[in-house]
Amino acid sequence: MSHGLRIVVIIALQTVALLGMIGIKQYTLSTGVPVVLKTQPIDPRSLFRGDYVRLNYAISQLTLDQLGGDKEFQRGDAVYVVLKPGDEYWEPVSAHRDYPVAAAGQVVIKGKVQYSSHQRWQGPAPMPVPPPSTARTITVKYGVENYFVPEGEGRELERPKPGETVSIRVVVDKSGNPAIKAVLVNGVERYVEKLF
């Protein structure tokens, strides 16, 4: 294969991969179930591209003893969290290692465990046994923790005015993949992701 042909093949493969990523996100945005999540924006500003808001969701910290499903997770494990509608925000019902069957009106969102309070010890000495009262908790990343906003507007979401609440409407496809659909301030759409 000639050098020029190799370059064309590499560029074609990169283009197909990029179009595939865009296509998956567009599929999720167009077919997913809308879910509103309680959030606390933190740490705005990207040096590379306008402003961004890094988000931390209420469902990012899960106390497994208060939920149904599996109780043992390690860092790096996939986790499927069943959500149900609450008064204003969707709330976790259970956490599973494998994709579960959700009841009518519930949604399954896929994440990755970033931290587990009951991580298996891999050091040279035995790990001390945690006291029985210690709750089993995991920190989960869902892949929707960053959102870019027009330059200069990230701080507004970072530090809402007194009485303002910031929440995120995500859509979750049938495989559990989420995508941010809109940023809400006091329940009103401020920024909306659009299809092409």
N, C-alpha and C. Protein backbone atom coordinates (compact mmCIF):
# COMPACT_ATOMS: atom_id res chain seq x y z
N MET A 1 0.86 -1.17 0.00
CA MET A 1 0.00 0.00 0.00
C MET A 1 0.90 1.23 0.00
N SER A 2 0.61 2.16 -0.85
CA SER A 2 1.44 3.36 -0.96
C SER A 2 1.21 4.28 0.23
N HIS A 3 2.16 5.16 0.43
CA HIS A 3 2.09 6.09 1.56
C HIS A 3 0.85 6.99 1.46
N GLY A 4 0.56 7.49 0.26
CA GLY A 4 -0.62 8.34 0.06
C GLY A 4 -1.92 7.62 0.36
N LEU A 5 -2.01 6.35 -0.07
CA LEU A 5 -3.21 5.57 0.19
C LEU A 5 -3.40 5.32 1.68
N ARG A 6 -2.30 5.08 2.39
CA ARG A 6 -2.37 4.88 3.85
C ARG A 6 -2.94 6.12 4.54
N ILE A 7 -2.48 7.28 4.11
CA ILE A 7 -2.97 8.53 4.71
C ILE A 7 -4.47 8.69 4.45
N VAL A 8 -4.90 8.40 3.23
CA VAL A 8 -6.33 8.50 2.90
C VAL A 8 -7.15 7.53 3.75
N VAL A 9 -6.66 6.30 3.92
CA VAL A 9 -7.36 5.31 4.74
C VAL A 9 -7.45 5.77 6.20
N ILE A 10 -6.36 6.30 6.74
CA ILE A 10 -6.35 6.78 8.13
C ILE A 10 -7.34 7.93 8.30
N ILE A 11 -7.35 8.88 7.37
CA ILE A 11 -8.28 10.00 7.45
C ILE A 11 -9.71 9.51 7.33
N ALA A 12 -9.97 8.55 6.44
CA ALA A 12 -11.32 8.00 6.29
C ALA A 12 -11.77 7.31 7.57
N LEU A 13 -10.89 6.54 8.20
CA LEU A 13 -11.24 5.85 9.45
C LEU A 13 -11.53 6.84 10.57
N GLN A 14 -10.73 7.89 10.66
CA GLN A 14 -10.97 8.91 11.68
C GLN A 14 -12.28 9.63 11.44
N THR A 15 -12.59 9.91 10.19
CA THR A 15 -13.85 10.57 9.85
C THR A 15 -15.04 9.68 10.21
N VAL A 16 -14.95 8.39 9.88
CA VAL A 16 -16.03 7.45 10.21
C VAL A 16 -16.21 7.36 11.72
N ALA A 17 -15.10 7.31 12.47
CA ALA A 17 -15.19 7.23 13.94
C ALA A 17 -15.86 8.48 14.51
N LEU A 18 -15.48 9.66 14.00
CA LEU A 18 -16.08 10.91 14.46
C LEU A 18 -17.57 10.97 14.13
N LEU A 19 -17.92 10.59 12.91
CA LEU A 19 -19.34 10.58 12.52
C LEU A 19 -20.13 9.58 13.36
N GLY A 20 -19.50 8.45 13.70
CA GLY A 20 -20.15 7.46 14.56
C GLY A 20 -20.45 8.02 15.94
N MET A 21 -19.49 8.74 16.54
CA MET A 21 -19.71 9.34 17.86
C MET A 21 -20.83 10.38 17.81
N ILE A 22 -20.83 11.19 16.75
CA ILE A 22 -21.89 12.19 16.60
C ILE A 22 -23.24 11.51 16.40
N GLY A 23 -23.24 10.46 15.58
CA GLY A 23 -24.48 9.73 15.32
C GLY A 23 -25.07 9.10 16.57
N ILE A 24 -24.22 8.53 17.41
CA ILE A 24 -24.70 7.92 18.67
C ILE A 24 -25.32 8.98 19.57
N LYS A 25 -24.67 10.14 19.69
CA LYS A 25 -25.22 11.21 20.53
C LYS A 25 -26.55 11.70 19.96
N GLN A 26 -26.62 11.88 18.65
CA GLN A 26 -27.86 12.34 18.04
C GLN A 26 -28.98 11.32 18.22
N TYR A 27 -28.65 10.04 18.13
CA TYR A 27 -29.64 8.99 18.36
C TYR A 27 -30.18 9.08 19.78
N THR A 28 -29.28 9.24 20.76
CA THR A 28 -29.70 9.35 22.15
C THR A 28 -30.57 10.59 22.35
N LEU A 29 -30.16 11.73 21.78
CA LEU A 29 -30.95 12.95 21.94
C LEU A 29 -32.33 12.84 21.32
N SER A 30 -32.44 12.11 20.20
CA SER A 30 -33.74 12.04 19.51
C SER A 30 -34.65 10.94 20.03
N THR A 31 -34.09 9.90 20.65
CA THR A 31 -34.94 8.78 21.07
C THR A 31 -35.00 8.58 22.58
N GLY A 32 -34.15 9.28 23.34
CA GLY A 32 -34.06 9.03 24.78
C GLY A 32 -35.25 9.54 25.57
N VAL A 33 -35.41 8.98 26.77
CA VAL A 33 -36.46 9.40 27.71
C VAL A 33 -35.92 10.58 28.51
N PRO A 34 -36.67 11.70 28.58
CA PRO A 34 -36.18 12.86 29.33
C PRO A 34 -36.25 12.63 30.84
N VAL A 35 -35.16 13.00 31.53
CA VAL A 35 -35.03 12.84 32.97
C VAL A 35 -34.41 14.13 33.51
N VAL A 36 -34.98 14.73 34.56
CA VAL A 36 -34.41 15.94 35.15
C VAL A 36 -33.63 15.54 36.40
N LEU A 37 -32.36 15.96 36.45
CA LEU A 37 -31.47 15.60 37.54
C LEU A 37 -31.07 16.83 38.35
N LYS A 38 -31.06 16.66 39.67
CA LYS A 38 -30.58 17.71 40.56
C LYS A 38 -29.07 17.77 40.44
N THR A 39 -28.53 18.98 40.37
CA THR A 39 -27.10 19.13 40.15
C THR A 39 -26.55 20.32 40.91
N GLN A 40 -25.23 20.28 41.07
CA GLN A 40 -24.49 21.40 41.63
C GLN A 40 -23.36 21.71 40.67
N PRO A 41 -23.45 22.79 39.89
CA PRO A 41 -22.37 23.12 38.97
C PRO A 41 -21.11 23.51 39.74
N ILE A 42 -19.95 23.11 39.23
CA ILE A 42 -18.69 23.48 39.85
C ILE A 42 -17.64 23.72 38.77
N ASP A 43 -16.65 24.51 39.11
CA ASP A 43 -15.42 24.65 38.33
C ASP A 43 -15.62 25.03 36.86
N PRO A 44 -16.13 26.26 36.56
CA PRO A 44 -16.26 26.64 35.16
C PRO A 44 -14.94 27.09 34.56
N ARG A 45 -14.86 27.15 33.28
CA ARG A 45 -13.79 27.73 32.47
C ARG A 45 -12.89 26.69 31.85
N SER A 46 -12.88 26.65 30.55
CA SER A 46 -11.96 25.81 29.81
C SER A 46 -11.02 26.73 29.05
N LEU A 47 -9.74 26.42 29.09
CA LEU A 47 -8.77 27.25 28.37
C LEU A 47 -8.87 27.04 26.87
N PHE A 48 -9.49 25.96 26.46
CA PHE A 48 -9.47 25.61 25.04
C PHE A 48 -10.72 26.04 24.28
N ARG A 49 -11.87 26.06 24.93
CA ARG A 49 -13.09 26.28 24.17
C ARG A 49 -14.15 26.95 25.02
N GLY A 50 -14.25 28.26 24.95
CA GLY A 50 -15.30 28.98 25.65
C GLY A 50 -15.39 28.61 27.11
N ASP A 51 -16.57 28.63 27.66
CA ASP A 51 -16.81 28.27 29.05
C ASP A 51 -17.43 26.89 29.11
N TYR A 52 -17.20 26.22 30.21
CA TYR A 52 -17.89 24.98 30.45
C TYR A 52 -18.27 24.92 31.91
N VAL A 53 -19.26 24.13 32.21
CA VAL A 53 -19.67 23.90 33.58
C VAL A 53 -19.44 22.43 33.86
N ARG A 54 -18.71 22.14 34.91
CA ARG A 54 -18.53 20.76 35.35
C ARG A 54 -19.62 20.48 36.36
N LEU A 55 -20.35 19.40 36.15
CA LEU A 55 -21.54 19.12 36.94
C LEU A 55 -21.34 17.95 37.88
N ASN A 56 -21.95 18.05 39.04
CA ASN A 56 -21.97 16.97 40.02
C ASN A 56 -23.43 16.72 40.35
N TYR A 57 -23.91 15.53 40.06
CA TYR A 57 -25.32 15.21 40.24
C TYR A 57 -25.59 14.61 41.61
N ALA A 58 -26.81 14.79 42.09
CA ALA A 58 -27.20 14.15 43.34
C ALA A 58 -27.10 12.63 43.21
N ILE A 59 -27.31 12.10 42.01
CA ILE A 59 -27.23 10.64 41.81
C ILE A 59 -25.80 10.17 41.58
N SER A 60 -24.82 11.09 41.71
CA SER A 60 -23.42 10.68 41.55
C SER A 60 -22.88 10.02 42.81
N GLN A 61 -23.47 10.32 43.96
CA GLN A 61 -23.08 9.71 45.22
C GLN A 61 -24.23 8.80 45.67
N LEU A 62 -24.01 7.50 45.63
CA LEU A 62 -25.06 6.54 45.96
C LEU A 62 -24.72 5.78 47.23
N THR A 63 -25.66 5.75 48.16
CA THR A 63 -25.51 4.93 49.37
C THR A 63 -26.22 3.62 49.08
N LEU A 64 -25.45 2.57 48.85
CA LEU A 64 -26.00 1.29 48.40
C LEU A 64 -26.92 0.65 49.42
N ASP A 65 -26.67 0.89 50.70
CA ASP A 65 -27.52 0.30 51.74
C ASP A 65 -28.94 0.87 51.72
N GLN A 66 -29.13 2.01 51.06
CA GLN A 66 -30.45 2.63 50.96
C GLN A 66 -31.15 2.30 49.64
N LEU A 67 -30.47 1.52 48.79
CA LEU A 67 -31.01 1.19 47.48
C LEU A 67 -31.15 -0.31 47.32
N GLY A 68 -31.98 -0.71 46.40
CA GLY A 68 -32.07 -2.11 46.04
C GLY A 68 -30.93 -2.47 45.09
N GLY A 69 -30.87 -3.73 44.72
CA GLY A 69 -29.87 -4.15 43.75
C GLY A 69 -28.61 -4.69 44.39
N ASP A 70 -27.51 -4.58 43.66
CA ASP A 70 -26.22 -5.13 44.11
C ASP A 70 -25.57 -4.20 45.14
N LYS A 71 -24.73 -4.80 45.99
CA LYS A 71 -24.10 -4.04 47.07
C LYS A 71 -22.59 -3.97 46.95
N GLU A 72 -22.00 -4.71 46.04
CA GLU A 72 -20.55 -4.74 45.90
C GLU A 72 -20.13 -4.21 44.54
N PHE A 73 -19.38 -3.13 44.55
CA PHE A 73 -18.83 -2.55 43.33
C PHE A 73 -17.38 -2.17 43.57
N GLN A 74 -16.59 -2.24 42.53
CA GLN A 74 -15.19 -1.83 42.58
C GLN A 74 -15.00 -0.67 41.61
N ARG A 75 -13.95 0.09 41.84
CA ARG A 75 -13.63 1.18 40.93
C ARG A 75 -13.46 0.63 39.51
N GLY A 76 -14.08 1.32 38.53
CA GLY A 76 -14.00 0.90 37.14
C GLY A 76 -15.16 0.04 36.69
N ASP A 77 -15.96 -0.47 37.64
CA ASP A 77 -17.12 -1.31 37.28
C ASP A 77 -18.18 -0.49 36.58
N ALA A 78 -18.85 -1.11 35.62
CA ALA A 78 -20.06 -0.51 35.05
C ALA A 78 -21.16 -0.63 36.09
N VAL A 79 -22.02 0.37 36.17
CA VAL A 79 -23.15 0.33 37.09
C VAL A 79 -24.38 0.85 36.35
N TYR A 80 -25.49 0.16 36.55
CA TYR A 80 -26.76 0.54 35.95
C TYR A 80 -27.68 0.97 37.08
N VAL A 81 -28.07 2.25 37.07
CA VAL A 81 -28.89 2.81 38.15
C VAL A 81 -30.31 2.99 37.65
N VAL A 82 -31.25 2.41 38.37
CA VAL A 82 -32.67 2.57 38.04
C VAL A 82 -33.15 3.85 38.70
N LEU A 83 -33.78 4.72 37.90
CA LEU A 83 -34.31 5.99 38.39
C LEU A 83 -35.82 6.01 38.29
N LYS A 84 -36.44 6.71 39.26
CA LYS A 84 -37.89 6.91 39.21
C LYS A 84 -38.17 8.39 39.35
N PRO A 85 -39.30 8.86 38.83
CA PRO A 85 -39.63 10.28 38.97
C PRO A 85 -39.89 10.62 40.43
N GLY A 86 -39.34 11.75 40.89
CA GLY A 86 -39.63 12.27 42.22
C GLY A 86 -40.52 13.49 42.09
N ASP A 87 -40.60 14.28 43.15
CA ASP A 87 -41.44 15.48 43.10
C ASP A 87 -40.95 16.46 42.03
N GLU A 88 -39.63 16.71 42.03
CA GLU A 88 -39.06 17.62 41.05
C GLU A 88 -37.97 16.96 40.21
N TYR A 89 -37.19 16.10 40.85
CA TYR A 89 -36.05 15.45 40.20
C TYR A 89 -36.23 13.93 40.23
N TRP A 90 -35.56 13.25 39.32
CA TRP A 90 -35.57 11.79 39.32
C TRP A 90 -34.65 11.30 40.42
N GLU A 91 -35.01 10.17 41.03
CA GLU A 91 -34.29 9.64 42.19
C GLU A 91 -33.87 8.20 41.95
N PRO A 92 -32.73 7.79 42.54
CA PRO A 92 -32.28 6.41 42.38
C PRO A 92 -33.14 5.43 43.17
N VAL A 93 -33.37 4.26 42.58
CA VAL A 93 -34.14 3.19 43.22
C VAL A 93 -33.21 2.03 43.56
N SER A 94 -32.34 1.68 42.59
CA SER A 94 -31.44 0.54 42.78
C SER A 94 -30.23 0.69 41.87
N ALA A 95 -29.17 -0.06 42.22
CA ALA A 95 -27.94 -0.05 41.43
C ALA A 95 -27.57 -1.49 41.11
N HIS A 96 -27.18 -1.75 39.86
CA HIS A 96 -26.95 -3.12 39.41
C HIS A 96 -25.65 -3.23 38.61
N ARG A 97 -25.05 -4.41 38.67
CA ARG A 97 -23.84 -4.68 37.88
C ARG A 97 -24.19 -5.01 36.43
N ASP A 98 -25.38 -5.56 36.20
CA ASP A 98 -25.86 -5.89 34.86
C ASP A 98 -27.13 -5.10 34.59
N TYR A 99 -27.42 -4.90 33.30
CA TYR A 99 -28.61 -4.12 32.92
C TYR A 99 -29.87 -4.78 33.49
N PRO A 100 -30.63 -4.06 34.33
CA PRO A 100 -31.83 -4.65 34.95
C PRO A 100 -33.09 -4.37 34.13
N VAL A 101 -34.15 -5.02 34.52
CA VAL A 101 -35.47 -4.72 33.96
C VAL A 101 -36.10 -3.68 34.87
N ALA A 102 -36.45 -2.53 34.32
CA ALA A 102 -37.04 -1.45 35.10
C ALA A 102 -38.56 -1.55 35.03
N ALA A 103 -39.21 -1.13 36.11
CA ALA A 103 -40.68 -1.09 36.16
C ALA A 103 -41.18 0.03 35.23
N ALA A 104 -42.45 -0.01 34.93
CA ALA A 104 -43.06 1.02 34.09
C ALA A 104 -42.83 2.39 34.72
N GLY A 105 -42.45 3.36 33.90
CA GLY A 105 -42.21 4.71 34.39
C GLY A 105 -40.82 4.94 34.93
N GLN A 106 -40.02 3.89 35.01
CA GLN A 106 -38.65 4.03 35.48
C GLN A 106 -37.68 4.00 34.30
N VAL A 107 -36.45 4.48 34.54
CA VAL A 107 -35.42 4.56 33.51
C VAL A 107 -34.13 3.99 34.08
N VAL A 108 -33.35 3.33 33.23
CA VAL A 108 -32.03 2.81 33.63
C VAL A 108 -30.96 3.69 32.98
N ILE A 109 -30.07 4.24 33.82
CA ILE A 109 -28.97 5.06 33.34
C ILE A 109 -27.65 4.35 33.64
N LYS A 110 -26.76 4.36 32.66
CA LYS A 110 -25.48 3.65 32.79
C LYS A 110 -24.39 4.60 33.25
N GLY A 111 -23.55 4.12 34.17
CA GLY A 111 -22.42 4.90 34.64
C GLY A 111 -21.22 4.02 34.90
N LYS A 112 -20.18 4.63 35.42
CA LYS A 112 -18.95 3.92 35.76
C LYS A 112 -18.56 4.31 37.17
N VAL A 113 -18.22 3.33 38.00
CA VAL A 113 -17.85 3.58 39.39
C VAL A 113 -16.47 4.24 39.42
N GLN A 114 -16.41 5.41 40.04
CA GLN A 114 -15.15 6.13 40.20
C GLN A 114 -14.51 5.84 41.57
N TYR A 115 -15.37 5.55 42.56
CA TYR A 115 -14.89 5.28 43.91
C TYR A 115 -15.88 4.36 44.61
N SER A 116 -15.37 3.44 45.40
CA SER A 116 -16.20 2.56 46.22
C SER A 116 -15.66 2.57 47.64
N SER A 117 -16.52 2.79 48.61
CA SER A 117 -16.07 2.83 50.00
C SER A 117 -15.64 1.45 50.49
N HIS A 118 -16.02 0.40 49.79
CA HIS A 118 -15.65 -0.96 50.17
C HIS A 118 -14.74 -1.59 49.12
N GLN A 119 -13.81 -0.78 48.62
CA GLN A 119 -12.86 -1.26 47.63
C GLN A 119 -12.01 -2.37 48.23
N ARG A 120 -11.78 -3.40 47.46
CA ARG A 120 -10.90 -4.47 47.92
C ARG A 120 -9.49 -3.94 48.10
N TRP A 121 -8.89 -4.25 49.19
CA TRP A 121 -7.53 -3.80 49.48
C TRP A 121 -6.53 -4.60 48.67
N GLN A 122 -5.58 -3.91 48.04
CA GLN A 122 -4.57 -4.60 47.24
C GLN A 122 -3.16 -4.31 47.73
N GLY A 123 -3.04 -3.72 48.91
CA GLY A 123 -1.73 -3.39 49.47
C GLY A 123 -1.08 -4.59 50.14
N PRO A 124 0.15 -4.40 50.63
CA PRO A 124 0.88 -5.50 51.24
C PRO A 124 0.33 -5.94 52.59
N ALA A 125 -0.25 -5.03 53.35
CA ALA A 125 -0.78 -5.38 54.67
C ALA A 125 -2.29 -5.53 54.58
N PRO A 126 -2.88 -6.29 55.54
CA PRO A 126 -4.34 -6.42 55.51
C PRO A 126 -5.02 -5.06 55.71
N MET A 127 -6.09 -4.85 54.98
CA MET A 127 -6.84 -3.60 55.13
C MET A 127 -7.67 -3.70 56.40
N PRO A 128 -7.70 -2.63 57.20
CA PRO A 128 -8.55 -2.66 58.39
C PRO A 128 -10.01 -2.82 57.99
N VAL A 129 -10.74 -3.59 58.78
CA VAL A 129 -12.16 -3.81 58.51
C VAL A 129 -12.92 -2.56 58.92
N PRO A 130 -13.76 -1.99 58.02
CA PRO A 130 -14.51 -0.79 58.41
C PRO A 130 -15.54 -1.14 59.46
N PRO A 131 -15.87 -0.17 60.31
CA PRO A 131 -16.88 -0.44 61.33
C PRO A 131 -18.21 -0.82 60.69
N PRO A 132 -19.03 -1.66 61.35
CA PRO A 132 -20.30 -2.11 60.77
C PRO A 132 -21.25 -0.97 60.42
N SER A 133 -21.12 0.18 61.08
CA SER A 133 -22.04 1.28 60.81
C SER A 133 -21.68 2.04 59.54
N THR A 134 -20.51 1.78 58.98
CA THR A 134 -20.10 2.49 57.77
C THR A 134 -20.98 2.08 56.59
N ALA A 135 -21.59 3.07 55.96
CA ALA A 135 -22.47 2.79 54.83
C ALA A 135 -21.64 2.50 53.59
N ARG A 136 -22.14 1.62 52.76
CA ARG A 136 -21.48 1.33 51.48
C ARG A 136 -21.89 2.41 50.49
N THR A 137 -20.91 3.12 49.98
CA THR A 137 -21.20 4.20 49.04
C THR A 137 -20.33 4.04 47.80
N ILE A 138 -20.85 4.54 46.69
CA ILE A 138 -20.07 4.60 45.46
C ILE A 138 -20.24 5.98 44.84
N THR A 139 -19.22 6.41 44.14
CA THR A 139 -19.27 7.63 43.35
C THR A 139 -19.32 7.20 41.89
N VAL A 140 -20.29 7.72 41.16
CA VAL A 140 -20.53 7.28 39.78
C VAL A 140 -20.37 8.45 38.82
N LYS A 141 -19.72 8.17 37.71
CA LYS A 141 -19.61 9.13 36.61
C LYS A 141 -20.47 8.61 35.47
N TYR A 142 -21.35 9.47 34.93
CA TYR A 142 -22.29 9.07 33.89
C TYR A 142 -21.89 9.52 32.49
N GLY A 143 -20.85 10.33 32.38
CA GLY A 143 -20.44 10.82 31.07
C GLY A 143 -21.15 12.09 30.64
N VAL A 144 -21.92 12.69 31.55
CA VAL A 144 -22.61 13.96 31.26
C VAL A 144 -22.23 14.99 32.33
N GLU A 145 -20.98 14.96 32.74
CA GLU A 145 -20.52 15.84 33.82
C GLU A 145 -19.96 17.17 33.32
N ASN A 146 -19.78 17.33 32.02
CA ASN A 146 -19.29 18.58 31.45
C ASN A 146 -20.28 19.11 30.42
N TYR A 147 -20.50 20.43 30.46
CA TYR A 147 -21.39 21.04 29.49
C TYR A 147 -20.80 22.38 29.07
N PHE A 148 -20.63 22.59 27.77
CA PHE A 148 -20.10 23.84 27.25
C PHE A 148 -21.24 24.83 27.04
N VAL A 149 -20.99 26.08 27.46
CA VAL A 149 -21.96 27.16 27.31
C VAL A 149 -21.25 28.30 26.58
N PRO A 150 -22.01 29.28 26.06
CA PRO A 150 -21.36 30.41 25.39
C PRO A 150 -20.36 31.09 26.32
N GLU A 151 -19.29 31.57 25.74
CA GLU A 151 -18.20 32.18 26.53
C GLU A 151 -18.73 33.31 27.40
N GLY A 152 -18.30 33.31 28.65
CA GLY A 152 -18.70 34.34 29.60
C GLY A 152 -19.93 33.99 30.41
N GLU A 153 -20.60 32.88 30.09
CA GLU A 153 -21.84 32.53 30.79
C GLU A 153 -21.67 31.38 31.77
N GLY A 154 -20.48 30.78 31.83
CA GLY A 154 -20.25 29.66 32.74
C GLY A 154 -20.35 30.08 34.19
N ARG A 155 -19.83 31.26 34.52
CA ARG A 155 -19.87 31.74 35.91
C ARG A 155 -21.30 31.93 36.40
N GLU A 156 -22.18 32.33 35.49
CA GLU A 156 -23.58 32.52 35.87
C GLU A 156 -24.20 31.22 36.36
N LEU A 157 -23.83 30.11 35.71
CA LEU A 157 -24.33 28.81 36.15
C LEU A 157 -23.55 28.30 37.35
N GLU A 158 -22.29 28.69 37.45
CA GLU A 158 -21.45 28.28 38.58
C GLU A 158 -21.96 28.89 39.88
N ARG A 159 -22.34 30.14 39.81
CA ARG A 159 -22.80 30.84 41.01
C ARG A 159 -24.18 31.42 40.75
N PRO A 160 -25.21 30.58 40.85
CA PRO A 160 -26.57 31.09 40.62
C PRO A 160 -26.92 32.19 41.63
N LYS A 161 -27.80 33.05 41.24
CA LYS A 161 -28.28 34.10 42.14
C LYS A 161 -29.04 33.46 43.29
N PRO A 162 -29.14 34.15 44.42
CA PRO A 162 -29.90 33.59 45.54
C PRO A 162 -31.31 33.19 45.11
N GLY A 163 -31.70 31.99 45.46
CA GLY A 163 -33.03 31.49 45.12
C GLY A 163 -33.09 30.75 43.79
N GLU A 164 -32.03 30.86 42.96
CA GLU A 164 -32.01 30.15 41.68
C GLU A 164 -31.52 28.71 41.86
N THR A 165 -32.11 27.82 41.11
CA THR A 165 -31.65 26.43 41.09
C THR A 165 -31.28 26.06 39.66
N VAL A 166 -30.21 25.32 39.54
CA VAL A 166 -29.77 24.84 38.24
C VAL A 166 -29.97 23.33 38.21
N SER A 167 -30.64 22.85 37.19
CA SER A 167 -30.83 21.41 37.01
C SER A 167 -30.57 21.07 35.55
N ILE A 168 -30.44 19.79 35.28
CA ILE A 168 -30.11 19.34 33.94
C ILE A 168 -31.17 18.34 33.47
N ARG A 169 -31.64 18.55 32.24
CA ARG A 169 -32.50 17.56 31.62
C ARG A 169 -31.63 16.71 30.72
N VAL A 170 -31.51 15.44 31.06
CA VAL A 170 -30.79 14.51 30.20
C VAL A 170 -31.81 13.60 29.56
N VAL A 171 -31.42 12.99 28.45
CA VAL A 171 -32.24 11.96 27.84
C VAL A 171 -31.43 10.67 27.93
N VAL A 172 -32.12 9.58 28.20
CA VAL A 172 -31.47 8.29 28.38
C VAL A 172 -32.04 7.32 27.36
N ASP A 173 -31.16 6.75 26.52
CA ASP A 173 -31.64 5.82 25.49
C ASP A 173 -31.88 4.43 26.09
N LYS A 174 -32.36 3.52 25.27
CA LYS A 174 -32.77 2.20 25.77
C LYS A 174 -31.59 1.36 26.24
N SER A 175 -30.36 1.77 25.94
CA SER A 175 -29.18 1.06 26.43
C SER A 175 -28.64 1.67 27.72
N GLY A 176 -29.26 2.77 28.17
CA GLY A 176 -28.83 3.42 29.40
C GLY A 176 -27.87 4.57 29.19
N ASN A 177 -27.57 4.91 27.93
CA ASN A 177 -26.63 5.99 27.64
C ASN A 177 -27.32 7.34 27.78
N PRO A 178 -26.75 8.25 28.59
CA PRO A 178 -27.36 9.57 28.74
C PRO A 178 -26.70 10.62 27.85
N ALA A 179 -27.43 11.68 27.57
CA ALA A 179 -26.90 12.86 26.88
C ALA A 179 -27.64 14.07 27.43
N ILE A 180 -26.91 15.17 27.61
CA ILE A 180 -27.54 16.40 28.11
C ILE A 180 -28.42 16.99 27.02
N LYS A 181 -29.67 17.23 27.38
CA LYS A 181 -30.63 17.82 26.44
C LYS A 181 -30.79 19.32 26.71
N ALA A 182 -30.81 19.71 28.00
CA ALA A 182 -31.01 21.13 28.32
C ALA A 182 -30.50 21.44 29.72
N VAL A 183 -30.07 22.69 29.89
CA VAL A 183 -29.74 23.23 31.21
C VAL A 183 -30.93 24.07 31.63
N LEU A 184 -31.43 23.81 32.83
CA LEU A 184 -32.61 24.51 33.34
C LEU A 184 -32.21 25.41 34.50
N VAL A 185 -32.70 26.63 34.51
CA VAL A 185 -32.54 27.53 35.65
C VAL A 185 -33.93 27.82 36.17
N ASN A 186 -34.18 27.45 37.41
CA ASN A 186 -35.51 27.54 38.02
C ASN A 186 -36.56 26.84 37.17
N GLY A 187 -36.17 25.70 36.58
CA GLY A 187 -37.10 24.90 35.79
C GLY A 187 -37.33 25.38 34.37
N VAL A 188 -36.69 26.49 33.98
CA VAL A 188 -36.86 27.06 32.64
C VAL A 188 -35.60 26.77 31.82
N GLU A 189 -35.78 26.31 30.59
CA GLU A 189 -34.64 25.99 29.73
C GLU A 189 -33.80 27.23 29.47
N ARG A 190 -32.50 27.12 29.77
CA ARG A 190 -31.56 28.22 29.49
C ARG A 190 -30.72 27.89 28.27
N TYR A 191 -30.25 26.65 28.19
CA TYR A 191 -29.46 26.18 27.04
C TYR A 191 -30.05 24.86 26.59
N VAL A 192 -30.22 24.69 25.29
CA VAL A 192 -30.83 23.47 24.75
C VAL A 192 -29.92 22.89 23.68
N GLU A 193 -29.64 21.58 23.78
CA GLU A 193 -28.90 20.88 22.73
C GLU A 193 -29.86 20.64 21.58
N LYS A 194 -29.40 20.94 20.39
CA LYS A 194 -30.27 20.75 19.23
C LYS A 194 -29.72 19.65 18.34
N LEU A 195 -30.64 18.97 17.66
CA LEU A 195 -30.22 18.03 16.62
C LEU A 195 -29.69 18.85 15.46
N PHE A 196 -29.03 18.20 14.51
CA PHE A 196 -28.43 18.93 13.40
C PHE A 196 -29.34 19.96 12.86
